[in-house]
Protein backbone atom coordinates (compact mmCIF):
# COMPACT_ATOMS: atom_id res chain seq x y z
CA MET A 1 -55.28 -18.30 23.78
CA ASN A 2 -58.45 -20.42 23.74
CA PHE A 3 -60.08 -19.88 20.36
CA LEU A 4 -63.84 -20.11 19.91
CA PHE A 5 -63.52 -22.53 16.97
CA ASP A 6 -61.44 -25.46 18.21
CA PRO A 7 -60.76 -27.65 15.15
CA VAL A 8 -59.85 -31.29 15.73
CA ALA A 9 -56.91 -32.56 13.66
CA PHE A 10 -57.53 -36.21 12.79
CA ASN A 11 -54.25 -36.68 10.89
CA GLY A 12 -55.49 -39.81 9.15
CA ASP A 13 -57.29 -41.30 12.15
CA THR A 14 -61.06 -41.64 12.31
CA PHE A 15 -61.57 -41.72 16.09
CA ILE A 16 -59.61 -39.48 18.48
CA TRP A 17 -59.73 -41.08 21.92
CA THR A 18 -58.59 -40.07 25.41
CA HIS A 19 -59.51 -42.30 28.36
CA GLY A 20 -59.63 -41.26 32.00
CA PHE A 21 -57.85 -37.92 31.58
CA LYS A 22 -57.51 -36.28 34.99
CA SER A 23 -57.37 -32.62 36.04
CA ASP A 24 -56.78 -31.55 39.64
CA THR A 25 -56.30 -27.82 39.09
CA PRO A 26 -59.03 -25.20 38.40
CA TYR A 27 -60.86 -25.93 35.15
CA PRO A 28 -62.96 -22.91 34.08
CA GLY A 29 -63.38 -24.03 30.45
CA PHE A 30 -64.24 -21.77 27.53
CA TYR A 31 -67.00 -21.43 24.92
CA HIS A 32 -66.06 -23.32 21.76
CA TRP A 33 -67.19 -25.74 19.08
CA HIS A 34 -65.62 -28.41 16.89
CA GLN A 35 -66.20 -29.39 13.26
CA CYS A 36 -67.00 -32.96 14.39
CA MET A 37 -68.98 -34.71 17.11
CA GLU A 38 -67.58 -34.84 20.63
CA LEU A 39 -68.35 -37.53 23.20
CA LEU A 40 -67.67 -36.74 26.85
CA PHE A 41 -68.16 -39.10 29.80
CA VAL A 42 -67.57 -37.91 33.37
CA HIS A 43 -65.88 -40.51 35.62
CA GLU A 44 -65.18 -38.11 38.51
CA GLY A 45 -65.90 -34.49 39.27
CA GLU A 46 -68.72 -31.99 39.56
CA GLY A 47 -69.56 -28.92 37.56
CA THR A 48 -71.74 -27.56 34.79
CA VAL A 49 -72.00 -28.03 31.04
CA ILE A 50 -73.49 -25.14 29.07
CA VAL A 51 -75.03 -25.92 25.68
CA ASN A 52 -78.11 -24.80 23.73
CA GLN A 53 -78.94 -22.03 26.22
CA HIS A 54 -79.22 -24.62 29.00
CA THR A 55 -77.04 -25.74 31.86
CA TYR A 56 -76.61 -29.39 32.77
CA GLU A 57 -75.01 -30.90 35.84
CA ALA A 58 -71.70 -32.57 35.13
CA ARG A 59 -71.22 -35.40 37.61
CA PRO A 60 -70.04 -39.03 37.58
CA GLY A 61 -72.11 -41.04 35.12
CA MET A 62 -73.07 -38.15 32.85
CA LEU A 63 -72.59 -38.69 29.12
CA PHE A 64 -72.59 -35.72 26.74
CA LEU A 65 -72.76 -35.89 22.95
CA PHE A 66 -72.14 -32.56 21.23
CA GLN A 67 -73.16 -32.08 17.62
CA PRO A 68 -70.76 -30.59 15.07
CA PHE A 69 -70.50 -26.78 15.45
CA GLN A 70 -72.55 -26.86 18.67
CA LEU A 71 -71.44 -24.10 21.03
CA HIS A 72 -70.65 -25.50 24.48
CA LYS A 73 -68.59 -25.02 27.59
CA ILE A 74 -67.51 -27.35 30.41
CA PHE A 75 -67.14 -25.60 33.77
CA MET A 76 -65.83 -27.90 36.52
CA ASN A 77 -65.25 -27.28 40.23
CA VAL A 78 -61.81 -28.85 40.51
CA SER A 79 -59.35 -29.05 43.38
CA GLY A 80 -56.65 -31.41 44.60
CA ASP A 81 -59.15 -33.53 46.55
CA LYS A 82 -61.92 -33.17 43.94
CA PRO A 83 -60.37 -34.03 40.56
CA TYR A 84 -62.11 -34.02 37.20
CA ARG A 85 -61.61 -37.30 35.33
CA ARG A 86 -63.23 -37.89 31.94
CA SER A 87 -63.08 -39.84 28.72
CA ILE A 88 -63.36 -37.92 25.46
CA ALA A 89 -63.76 -38.96 21.83
CA PHE A 90 -63.94 -36.94 18.62
CA PHE A 91 -65.26 -38.38 15.36
CA GLU A 92 -66.93 -37.43 12.10
CA PRO A 93 -70.53 -38.70 12.37
CA SER A 94 -70.70 -39.45 8.64
CA ASP A 95 -67.81 -41.89 9.09
CA VAL A 96 -69.68 -44.06 11.59
CA ALA A 97 -73.34 -43.71 10.56
CA GLY A 98 -73.06 -46.32 7.82
CA SER A 99 -71.67 -49.01 10.12
CA LEU A 100 -74.60 -48.47 12.51
CA GLN A 101 -77.22 -48.82 9.78
CA PRO A 102 -77.82 -52.59 10.23
CA PHE A 103 -78.95 -51.82 13.79
CA ALA A 104 -82.12 -49.90 13.02
CA LEU A 105 -83.06 -48.57 16.47
CA ARG A 106 -79.52 -47.61 17.40
CA HIS A 107 -79.02 -45.99 14.00
CA GLN A 108 -82.18 -43.91 14.40
CA LEU A 109 -81.05 -42.75 17.83
CA PHE A 110 -77.61 -41.86 16.51
CA MET A 111 -79.09 -39.84 13.64
CA ARG A 112 -81.22 -37.88 16.11
CA LEU A 113 -78.14 -37.23 18.23
CA TRP A 114 -76.20 -36.08 15.18
CA GLN A 115 -78.80 -34.01 13.36
CA GLY A 116 -81.82 -33.61 15.62
CA ARG A 117 -82.91 -30.75 17.85
CA THR A 118 -84.83 -32.61 20.55
CA THR A 119 -82.51 -35.47 21.56
CA GLY A 120 -79.56 -34.90 23.88
CA PRO A 121 -77.01 -33.59 24.51
CA ALA A 122 -76.97 -34.86 28.12
CA PHE A 123 -77.64 -38.39 29.33
CA ASP A 124 -77.71 -39.54 32.92
CA LEU A 125 -76.12 -43.02 33.07
CA ARG A 126 -75.68 -43.16 36.85
CA SER A 127 -77.95 -46.21 37.10
CA GLU A 128 -75.66 -47.95 34.56
CA PHE A 129 -72.41 -46.43 35.79
CA SER A 130 -70.55 -49.73 36.25
CA ARG A 131 -71.56 -50.93 32.80
CA ALA A 132 -70.53 -47.62 31.25
CA GLU A 133 -67.14 -47.77 32.99
CA ALA A 134 -66.67 -51.30 31.66
CA VAL A 135 -67.52 -50.18 28.12
CA PHE A 136 -64.92 -47.42 28.20
CA GLU A 137 -62.30 -49.66 29.79
CA GLY A 138 -62.95 -52.32 27.14
CA TYR A 139 -62.40 -49.86 24.32
CA GLU A 140 -59.29 -48.51 26.05
CA GLN A 141 -57.82 -52.01 26.01
CA MET A 142 -58.58 -52.29 22.28
CA SER A 143 -56.97 -48.90 21.73
CA ARG A 144 -53.82 -49.93 23.61
CA SER A 145 -53.57 -53.08 21.53
CA GLY A 146 -53.57 -50.96 18.36
CA ARG A 147 -57.14 -51.77 17.29
CA GLY A 148 -58.79 -48.52 18.37
CA GLN A 149 -59.08 -47.17 14.81
CA GLU A 150 -60.74 -50.29 13.44
CA ALA A 151 -64.29 -49.63 12.31
CA GLU A 152 -65.56 -52.74 14.10
CA GLU A 153 -64.22 -51.59 17.48
CA VAL A 154 -65.56 -48.04 17.10
CA THR A 155 -68.94 -49.43 16.05
CA MET A 156 -69.04 -51.76 19.06
CA LEU A 157 -68.23 -48.88 21.41
CA LEU A 158 -70.99 -46.68 19.98
CA LEU A 159 -73.53 -49.52 19.92
CA GLN A 160 -72.92 -50.24 23.60
CA LEU A 161 -73.18 -46.57 24.57
CA LEU A 162 -76.34 -46.07 22.50
CA GLY A 163 -77.76 -49.14 24.22
CA LEU A 164 -77.07 -47.61 27.63
CA VAL A 165 -78.69 -44.34 26.54
CA ALA A 166 -81.77 -46.24 25.35
CA ALA A 167 -81.90 -48.32 28.55
CA THR A 168 -81.89 -45.24 30.77
CA GLY A 169 -84.74 -43.57 28.93
CA GLY A 170 -83.06 -41.64 26.14
CA ALA A 171 -82.45 -37.91 26.51
CA GLY A 172 -82.41 -35.58 29.42
CA THR A 173 -81.23 -35.32 32.99
CA ALA A 174 -82.79 -35.39 36.42
CA ASP A 175 -83.30 -31.63 36.10
CA GLU A 176 -85.96 -31.90 33.40
CA GLY A 177 -89.03 -29.87 34.17
CA ARG A 178 -87.31 -27.57 36.66
CA PRO A 179 -87.68 -23.78 36.37
CA LEU A 180 -85.04 -22.11 34.23
CA ARG A 181 -82.02 -20.84 36.12
CA TYR A 182 -81.26 -17.14 35.77
CA SER A 183 -78.24 -17.96 33.61
CA GLU A 184 -80.50 -19.90 31.24
CA GLN A 185 -82.97 -17.03 31.07
CA ILE A 186 -80.08 -14.71 30.26
CA MET A 187 -78.78 -17.04 27.53
CA GLN A 188 -82.26 -17.29 26.01
CA LEU A 189 -82.57 -13.50 25.99
CA ILE A 190 -79.20 -13.31 24.26
CA GLU A 191 -80.30 -15.94 21.74
CA THR A 192 -83.25 -13.85 20.60
CA ASN A 193 -81.64 -10.40 20.90
CA TYR A 194 -77.90 -10.80 20.19
CA ARG A 195 -78.17 -8.75 16.97
CA GLU A 196 -79.27 -5.71 18.97
CA GLU A 197 -77.39 -3.48 21.37
CA LEU A 198 -77.49 -5.72 24.41
CA GLY A 199 -75.61 -5.01 27.60
CA LEU A 200 -75.90 -5.70 31.28
CA GLU A 201 -78.33 -2.83 31.80
CA GLN A 202 -80.78 -4.09 29.16
CA LEU A 203 -80.65 -7.66 30.47
CA ALA A 204 -81.18 -6.55 34.06
CA GLU A 205 -84.16 -4.42 33.03
CA ARG A 206 -85.82 -7.32 31.19
CA LEU A 207 -85.31 -9.67 34.15
CA HIS A 208 -86.34 -7.02 36.71
CA LEU A 209 -83.12 -7.56 38.62
CA SER A 210 -80.15 -5.39 39.54
CA LYS A 211 -77.16 -5.25 37.21
CA TYR A 212 -74.91 -6.46 40.01
CA TYR A 213 -77.08 -9.50 40.71
CA VAL A 214 -77.44 -10.43 37.02
CA SER A 215 -73.67 -10.29 36.56
CA ARG A 216 -72.93 -12.25 39.73
CA VAL A 217 -75.49 -15.02 39.27
CA PHE A 218 -74.44 -15.65 35.66
CA HIS A 219 -70.81 -15.98 36.71
CA GLU A 220 -71.71 -18.28 39.60
CA GLU A 221 -73.83 -20.58 37.42
CA THR A 222 -71.60 -20.71 34.32
CA GLY A 223 -68.11 -19.74 35.44
CA SER A 224 -67.95 -16.96 32.86
CA HIS A 225 -69.04 -13.40 32.28
CA ILE A 226 -72.12 -12.44 30.27
CA THR A 227 -69.96 -10.62 27.73
CA ASP A 228 -68.05 -13.87 27.06
CA TYR A 229 -71.25 -15.69 26.16
CA LEU A 230 -72.64 -12.81 24.11
CA THR A 231 -69.38 -12.59 22.16
CA ALA A 232 -69.32 -16.34 21.58
CA ARG A 233 -72.90 -16.38 20.30
CA ARG A 234 -72.34 -13.41 17.98
CA VAL A 235 -69.08 -14.73 16.54
CA LYS A 236 -70.55 -18.20 16.00
CA GLN A 237 -73.33 -16.63 13.93
CA ALA A 238 -70.74 -14.57 12.06
CA CYS A 239 -68.91 -17.79 11.16
CA ARG A 240 -72.14 -19.29 9.84
CA LEU A 241 -72.82 -16.22 7.71
CA LEU A 242 -69.26 -16.16 6.39
CA GLN A 243 -69.59 -19.81 5.39
CA SER A 244 -73.07 -19.75 3.91
CA THR A 245 -73.61 -16.27 2.42
CA SER A 246 -71.85 -13.74 0.19
CA LEU A 247 -72.41 -10.86 2.61
CA SER A 248 -69.43 -8.57 2.97
CA VAL A 249 -67.43 -8.66 6.20
CA GLU A 250 -68.94 -5.30 7.14
CA GLN A 251 -72.47 -6.60 6.52
CA VAL A 252 -71.79 -9.74 8.56
CA GLY A 253 -70.60 -7.59 11.46
CA ILE A 254 -73.77 -5.51 11.33
CA GLN A 255 -75.93 -8.65 11.18
CA VAL A 256 -74.44 -9.98 14.43
CA GLY A 257 -74.41 -6.74 16.40
CA TYR A 258 -71.02 -5.20 15.56
CA PRO A 259 -71.63 -2.15 13.30
CA ASN A 260 -68.00 -1.01 13.66
CA VAL A 261 -66.20 -3.15 11.08
CA SER A 262 -62.71 -2.54 12.48
CA TYR A 263 -63.80 -3.66 15.93
CA PHE A 264 -65.60 -6.69 14.46
CA ILE A 265 -62.50 -7.81 12.55
CA SER A 266 -60.28 -7.37 15.60
CA LEU A 267 -62.67 -9.24 17.88
CA PHE A 268 -63.24 -12.04 15.36
CA LYS A 269 -59.49 -12.61 15.02
CA LYS A 270 -59.08 -12.66 18.79
CA VAL A 271 -61.68 -15.37 19.41
CA VAL A 272 -61.42 -17.44 16.21
CA GLY A 273 -57.71 -17.08 15.52
CA THR A 274 -57.94 -15.62 12.03
CA THR A 275 -59.61 -12.73 10.23
CA PRO A 276 -63.17 -13.04 8.86
CA LEU A 277 -61.89 -12.94 5.27
CA LYS A 278 -59.28 -15.64 5.87
CA TYR A 279 -61.88 -17.73 7.69
CA ARG A 280 -64.20 -17.50 4.67
CA ARG A 281 -61.41 -18.35 2.22
CA GLN A 282 -60.36 -21.35 4.29
CA HIS A 283 -63.91 -22.62 4.44
CA VAL A 284 -64.31 -22.28 0.68
CA ALA A 285 -60.95 -24.02 0.13
CA ASP A 286 -62.01 -26.92 2.37
CA ARG A 287 -65.24 -27.60 0.51
CA PRO A 288 -65.31 -30.86 -1.46
């Protein structure tokens, strides 16, 4: 089962790295988040990345930087003759921020990527595609030689990538300024109304569209059903409340739109992999 919270096990390493990983079978993806930052670079393939109630084109040359606990999904159109090849890295931003500090402009950009709300998560590096490929290949060689965990090599990789981001104009994609897709309008409606009773009928009424069309267009644009996204958004908020408040499990369920506590506990366990109470206890146990 694909759990909503997808923790990354570092096992003593500081930088989890996979270069040029290839998929040539259907890749629908799933809504999830990690406790750390994730870096994703698309070498081959086409699809959609969903994050922050927006959809972004995933195509060769796109770089994505997801913040810790940022809900996202990668939906790729994959077949035998259209593979999806990507490089992925996971790292704790606090572990690398200090080494970037001597480089003031790059450090400021990194801090905005890590903690900001207006920078990222998608960067179009197509104009610098060859340079980006060379950067990833260079780090892969360091990793194969056993130096991939060295702070100097990780810092060099991030400095080069931040330089490419800065050179191509910072944040955003070629789709900036376009009208919102229907899927994005639906996700924004969910964002502001997920605590309420919110089903296909209510969404269709607010968008002045048929229920059938709302369901179909969301699936076409995101590769998932509306209920999947609504569940993911509600459960993510439940996790935040369990971590940061003393509300009872029943109260948390009510706060996120699940007044039936038994159903809330069952659903939470299905998508997170543990019960709300165990999730809270684990979070408390992990605090420094």
